[in-house]
Every structure is written in C-alpha cells, then in structure tokens.
Amino acid sequence: MSQQPTTEARELRQLLAAVLDALDIPNPATVGDRERFHQVLGDRALDAVTALRGVFQHGDDAGWSADYLRARLAEKPATGYRTWGEGR
C-alpha cells in the first residue's frame, strides 16, 4: 500500500520543480548568444535563490514560494537568444 505524500512534501516538490524550471533553460546556439543566455540564467537564478532563502531563512511556506518563483519566471522568459539546435 502506497502512502500519499504529505502536503509539505508536495509543496517542497513544487518548489524544487520551479527551481529546476528556473535553471534548466536551453543552451545558447553560438558564442554570440552566450551573453544574453548568462543574463537570463543569472536573473532566474537570483529569483530561485530568493525563493529558497525565504523558505530556509524566513520560514516561508514552500508552496507560496513555488508560486512566487513561477510568477517571477513568467516575467523573465528564457528568450532573447538563439538556442542550440534552433533552426535544425
């Protein structure tokens, strides 16, 4: 018999999934695209750190932090550079 995950476990999984979405963006196609790629990745990483810090240092709810991070990511899509494999 399998146990259902607790609400806390589900919320932690949601937060981890949001962090993965923040950091797992397409690789740049060329050296010329790397600058924008690093800018996008840096902005998204900062938002992920902010969400994680809220949980670990301030006791924020993991589900709320996941929603916060997803809202920030929606404002900063991983666009503005050509991705590896694009146009193939």
N, C-alpha and C. Protein backbone atom coordinates (compact mmCIF):
# COMPACT_ATOMS: atom_id res chain seq x y z
N MET A 1 0.84 -1.17 0.00
CA MET A 1 0.00 0.00 0.00
C MET A 1 0.89 1.24 0.00
N SER A 2 0.65 2.13 -0.94
CA SER A 2 1.49 3.31 -1.05
C SER A 2 0.88 4.47 -0.27
N GLN A 3 1.75 5.20 0.40
CA GLN A 3 1.30 6.36 1.17
C GLN A 3 1.27 7.58 0.29
N GLN A 4 0.28 8.42 0.49
CA GLN A 4 0.21 9.69 -0.21
C GLN A 4 1.18 10.66 0.43
N PRO A 5 1.90 11.43 -0.38
CA PRO A 5 2.82 12.42 0.21
C PRO A 5 2.05 13.46 1.01
N THR A 6 2.68 13.95 2.03
CA THR A 6 2.08 15.00 2.85
C THR A 6 1.97 16.29 2.05
N THR A 7 1.17 17.19 2.55
CA THR A 7 1.06 18.50 1.90
C THR A 7 2.42 19.17 1.84
N GLU A 8 3.18 19.08 2.93
CA GLU A 8 4.51 19.70 2.96
C GLU A 8 5.42 19.09 1.90
N ALA A 9 5.38 17.78 1.74
CA ALA A 9 6.22 17.12 0.73
C ALA A 9 5.81 17.55 -0.68
N ARG A 10 4.50 17.65 -0.92
CA ARG A 10 4.03 18.09 -2.25
C ARG A 10 4.50 19.52 -2.53
N GLU A 11 4.41 20.39 -1.52
CA GLU A 11 4.83 21.78 -1.71
C GLU A 11 6.33 21.88 -1.94
N LEU A 12 7.10 21.06 -1.25
CA LEU A 12 8.55 21.06 -1.47
C LEU A 12 8.87 20.58 -2.89
N ARG A 13 8.15 19.57 -3.36
CA ARG A 13 8.35 19.09 -4.73
C ARG A 13 7.99 20.19 -5.74
N GLN A 14 6.92 20.94 -5.46
CA GLN A 14 6.55 22.04 -6.35
C GLN A 14 7.65 23.10 -6.39
N LEU A 15 8.22 23.39 -5.23
CA LEU A 15 9.29 24.38 -5.19
C LEU A 15 10.52 23.88 -5.94
N LEU A 16 10.88 22.63 -5.73
CA LEU A 16 12.03 22.08 -6.45
C LEU A 16 11.79 22.06 -7.96
N ALA A 17 10.58 21.75 -8.38
CA ALA A 17 10.25 21.77 -9.80
C ALA A 17 10.37 23.18 -10.37
N ALA A 18 9.95 24.17 -9.61
CA ALA A 18 10.06 25.56 -10.05
C ALA A 18 11.53 25.98 -10.15
N VAL A 19 12.35 25.55 -9.20
CA VAL A 19 13.78 25.86 -9.25
C VAL A 19 14.41 25.20 -10.48
N LEU A 20 14.04 23.96 -10.76
CA LEU A 20 14.56 23.29 -11.96
C LEU A 20 14.14 24.05 -13.21
N ASP A 21 12.88 24.48 -13.28
CA ASP A 21 12.43 25.26 -14.43
C ASP A 21 13.21 26.56 -14.57
N ALA A 22 13.56 27.16 -13.45
CA ALA A 22 14.32 28.42 -13.49
C ALA A 22 15.71 28.22 -14.08
N LEU A 23 16.34 27.11 -13.72
CA LEU A 23 17.75 26.91 -14.08
C LEU A 23 17.98 26.08 -15.33
N ASP A 24 17.03 25.27 -15.71
CA ASP A 24 17.18 24.36 -16.84
C ASP A 24 16.65 25.01 -18.11
N ILE A 25 17.41 25.98 -18.62
CA ILE A 25 16.99 26.70 -19.82
C ILE A 25 17.85 26.23 -20.99
N PRO A 26 17.38 26.43 -22.23
CA PRO A 26 18.11 25.96 -23.40
C PRO A 26 19.50 26.60 -23.51
N ASN A 27 20.46 25.80 -23.95
CA ASN A 27 21.82 26.29 -24.16
C ASN A 27 21.87 27.26 -25.34
N PRO A 28 22.80 28.20 -25.31
CA PRO A 28 22.93 29.15 -26.41
C PRO A 28 23.46 28.47 -27.67
N ALA A 29 23.06 29.00 -28.82
CA ALA A 29 23.47 28.41 -30.10
C ALA A 29 24.93 28.73 -30.43
N THR A 30 25.36 29.94 -30.14
CA THR A 30 26.70 30.37 -30.52
C THR A 30 27.33 31.16 -29.38
N VAL A 31 28.60 31.43 -29.53
CA VAL A 31 29.31 32.25 -28.55
C VAL A 31 28.63 33.61 -28.44
N GLY A 32 28.15 34.14 -29.54
CA GLY A 32 27.48 35.43 -29.53
C GLY A 32 26.19 35.45 -28.73
N ASP A 33 25.59 34.29 -28.55
CA ASP A 33 24.35 34.20 -27.78
C ASP A 33 24.60 33.99 -26.29
N ARG A 34 25.83 33.74 -25.91
CA ARG A 34 26.15 33.41 -24.52
C ARG A 34 25.89 34.57 -23.56
N GLU A 35 26.15 35.78 -23.99
CA GLU A 35 25.95 36.92 -23.08
C GLU A 35 24.50 37.00 -22.62
N ARG A 36 23.58 36.95 -23.57
CA ARG A 36 22.15 37.02 -23.22
C ARG A 36 21.74 35.78 -22.41
N PHE A 37 22.24 34.61 -22.80
CA PHE A 37 21.96 33.37 -22.05
C PHE A 37 22.36 33.53 -20.59
N HIS A 38 23.57 34.03 -20.34
CA HIS A 38 24.05 34.19 -18.98
C HIS A 38 23.24 35.25 -18.21
N GLN A 39 22.79 36.28 -18.91
CA GLN A 39 21.96 37.30 -18.28
C GLN A 39 20.62 36.70 -17.84
N VAL A 40 20.00 35.96 -18.74
CA VAL A 40 18.72 35.31 -18.43
C VAL A 40 18.89 34.32 -17.28
N LEU A 41 19.91 33.48 -17.38
CA LEU A 41 20.15 32.47 -16.35
C LEU A 41 20.45 33.13 -15.01
N GLY A 42 21.24 34.18 -15.01
CA GLY A 42 21.56 34.88 -13.77
C GLY A 42 20.33 35.48 -13.10
N ASP A 43 19.47 36.10 -13.90
CA ASP A 43 18.24 36.68 -13.34
C ASP A 43 17.35 35.60 -12.74
N ARG A 44 17.23 34.49 -13.44
CA ARG A 44 16.37 33.40 -12.97
C ARG A 44 16.98 32.72 -11.75
N ALA A 45 18.29 32.59 -11.72
CA ALA A 45 18.96 32.00 -10.56
C ALA A 45 18.77 32.87 -9.32
N LEU A 46 18.85 34.18 -9.49
CA LEU A 46 18.63 35.09 -8.36
C LEU A 46 17.22 34.95 -7.81
N ASP A 47 16.23 34.80 -8.68
CA ASP A 47 14.86 34.60 -8.22
C ASP A 47 14.73 33.26 -7.49
N ALA A 48 15.40 32.23 -7.98
CA ALA A 48 15.36 30.92 -7.32
C ALA A 48 15.99 30.99 -5.94
N VAL A 49 17.12 31.67 -5.83
CA VAL A 49 17.78 31.83 -4.53
C VAL A 49 16.88 32.59 -3.57
N THR A 50 16.22 33.62 -4.05
CA THR A 50 15.32 34.39 -3.20
C THR A 50 14.19 33.51 -2.66
N ALA A 51 13.62 32.68 -3.52
CA ALA A 51 12.54 31.79 -3.08
C ALA A 51 13.06 30.77 -2.07
N LEU A 52 14.22 30.18 -2.33
CA LEU A 52 14.78 29.20 -1.40
C LEU A 52 15.17 29.84 -0.08
N ARG A 53 15.75 31.02 -0.15
CA ARG A 53 16.15 31.72 1.07
C ARG A 53 14.91 32.03 1.93
N GLY A 54 13.83 32.37 1.28
CA GLY A 54 12.61 32.64 2.03
C GLY A 54 12.16 31.43 2.83
N VAL A 55 12.27 30.24 2.25
CA VAL A 55 11.88 29.02 2.95
C VAL A 55 12.86 28.70 4.07
N PHE A 56 14.14 28.72 3.76
CA PHE A 56 15.14 28.29 4.73
C PHE A 56 15.44 29.32 5.82
N GLN A 57 15.46 30.59 5.48
CA GLN A 57 15.86 31.59 6.46
C GLN A 57 14.69 32.30 7.12
N HIS A 58 13.57 32.37 6.42
CA HIS A 58 12.44 33.14 6.95
C HIS A 58 11.21 32.29 7.25
N GLY A 59 11.30 30.99 6.97
CA GLY A 59 10.17 30.11 7.26
C GLY A 59 8.98 30.26 6.34
N ASP A 60 9.20 30.82 5.14
CA ASP A 60 8.09 30.96 4.19
C ASP A 60 7.55 29.59 3.82
N ASP A 61 6.30 29.54 3.47
CA ASP A 61 5.64 28.33 3.01
C ASP A 61 6.21 27.92 1.65
N ALA A 62 6.58 26.65 1.50
CA ALA A 62 7.20 26.19 0.25
C ALA A 62 6.25 26.34 -0.95
N GLY A 63 4.97 26.09 -0.74
CA GLY A 63 4.00 26.24 -1.83
C GLY A 63 3.89 27.68 -2.28
N TRP A 64 3.83 28.59 -1.31
CA TRP A 64 3.79 30.02 -1.64
C TRP A 64 5.06 30.42 -2.39
N SER A 65 6.21 29.94 -1.94
CA SER A 65 7.48 30.28 -2.57
C SER A 65 7.55 29.74 -4.00
N ALA A 66 6.98 28.56 -4.22
CA ALA A 66 6.93 28.00 -5.57
C ALA A 66 6.09 28.90 -6.48
N ASP A 67 4.93 29.34 -5.96
CA ASP A 67 4.07 30.25 -6.75
C ASP A 67 4.78 31.57 -7.02
N TYR A 68 5.47 32.09 -6.01
CA TYR A 68 6.24 33.33 -6.17
C TYR A 68 7.28 33.17 -7.28
N LEU A 69 8.02 32.07 -7.23
CA LEU A 69 9.07 31.85 -8.22
C LEU A 69 8.47 31.70 -9.61
N ARG A 70 7.40 30.96 -9.75
CA ARG A 70 6.78 30.80 -11.07
C ARG A 70 6.29 32.16 -11.62
N ALA A 71 5.78 33.01 -10.76
CA ALA A 71 5.35 34.34 -11.20
C ALA A 71 6.54 35.15 -11.70
N ARG A 72 7.66 35.09 -10.99
CA ARG A 72 8.86 35.81 -11.42
C ARG A 72 9.37 35.25 -12.75
N LEU A 73 9.34 33.92 -12.91
CA LEU A 73 9.81 33.30 -14.16
C LEU A 73 8.94 33.71 -15.34
N ALA A 74 7.65 33.85 -15.10
CA ALA A 74 6.74 34.28 -16.17
C ALA A 74 7.10 35.68 -16.65
N GLU A 75 7.64 36.50 -15.75
CA GLU A 75 8.07 37.85 -16.11
C GLU A 75 9.39 37.85 -16.87
N LYS A 76 10.16 36.77 -16.74
CA LYS A 76 11.50 36.69 -17.32
C LYS A 76 11.66 35.40 -18.12
N PRO A 77 10.97 35.29 -19.26
CA PRO A 77 11.09 34.05 -20.03
C PRO A 77 12.51 33.89 -20.59
N ALA A 78 12.87 32.65 -20.82
CA ALA A 78 14.20 32.34 -21.35
C ALA A 78 14.19 32.57 -22.86
N THR A 79 14.17 33.85 -23.23
CA THR A 79 14.14 34.24 -24.64
C THR A 79 15.17 35.34 -24.89
N GLY A 80 15.30 35.71 -26.14
CA GLY A 80 16.19 36.81 -26.48
C GLY A 80 17.55 36.35 -26.97
N TYR A 81 17.69 35.02 -27.13
CA TYR A 81 18.93 34.47 -27.68
C TYR A 81 18.56 33.22 -28.49
N ARG A 82 19.43 32.91 -29.44
CA ARG A 82 19.20 31.70 -30.24
C ARG A 82 19.68 30.50 -29.42
N THR A 83 18.89 29.43 -29.48
CA THR A 83 19.23 28.25 -28.69
C THR A 83 19.89 27.19 -29.56
N TRP A 84 20.67 26.35 -28.87
CA TRP A 84 21.34 25.26 -29.57
C TRP A 84 20.29 24.34 -30.18
N GLY A 85 20.48 24.01 -31.46
CA GLY A 85 19.53 23.15 -32.16
C GLY A 85 18.40 23.91 -32.83
N GLU A 86 18.31 25.20 -32.58
CA GLU A 86 17.25 26.01 -33.18
C GLU A 86 17.49 26.09 -34.68
N GLY A 87 16.44 25.90 -35.45
CA GLY A 87 16.54 26.02 -36.89
C GLY A 87 17.10 24.78 -37.58
N ARG A 88 17.26 23.71 -36.84
CA ARG A 88 17.74 22.46 -37.45
C ARG A 88 16.60 21.64 -37.92
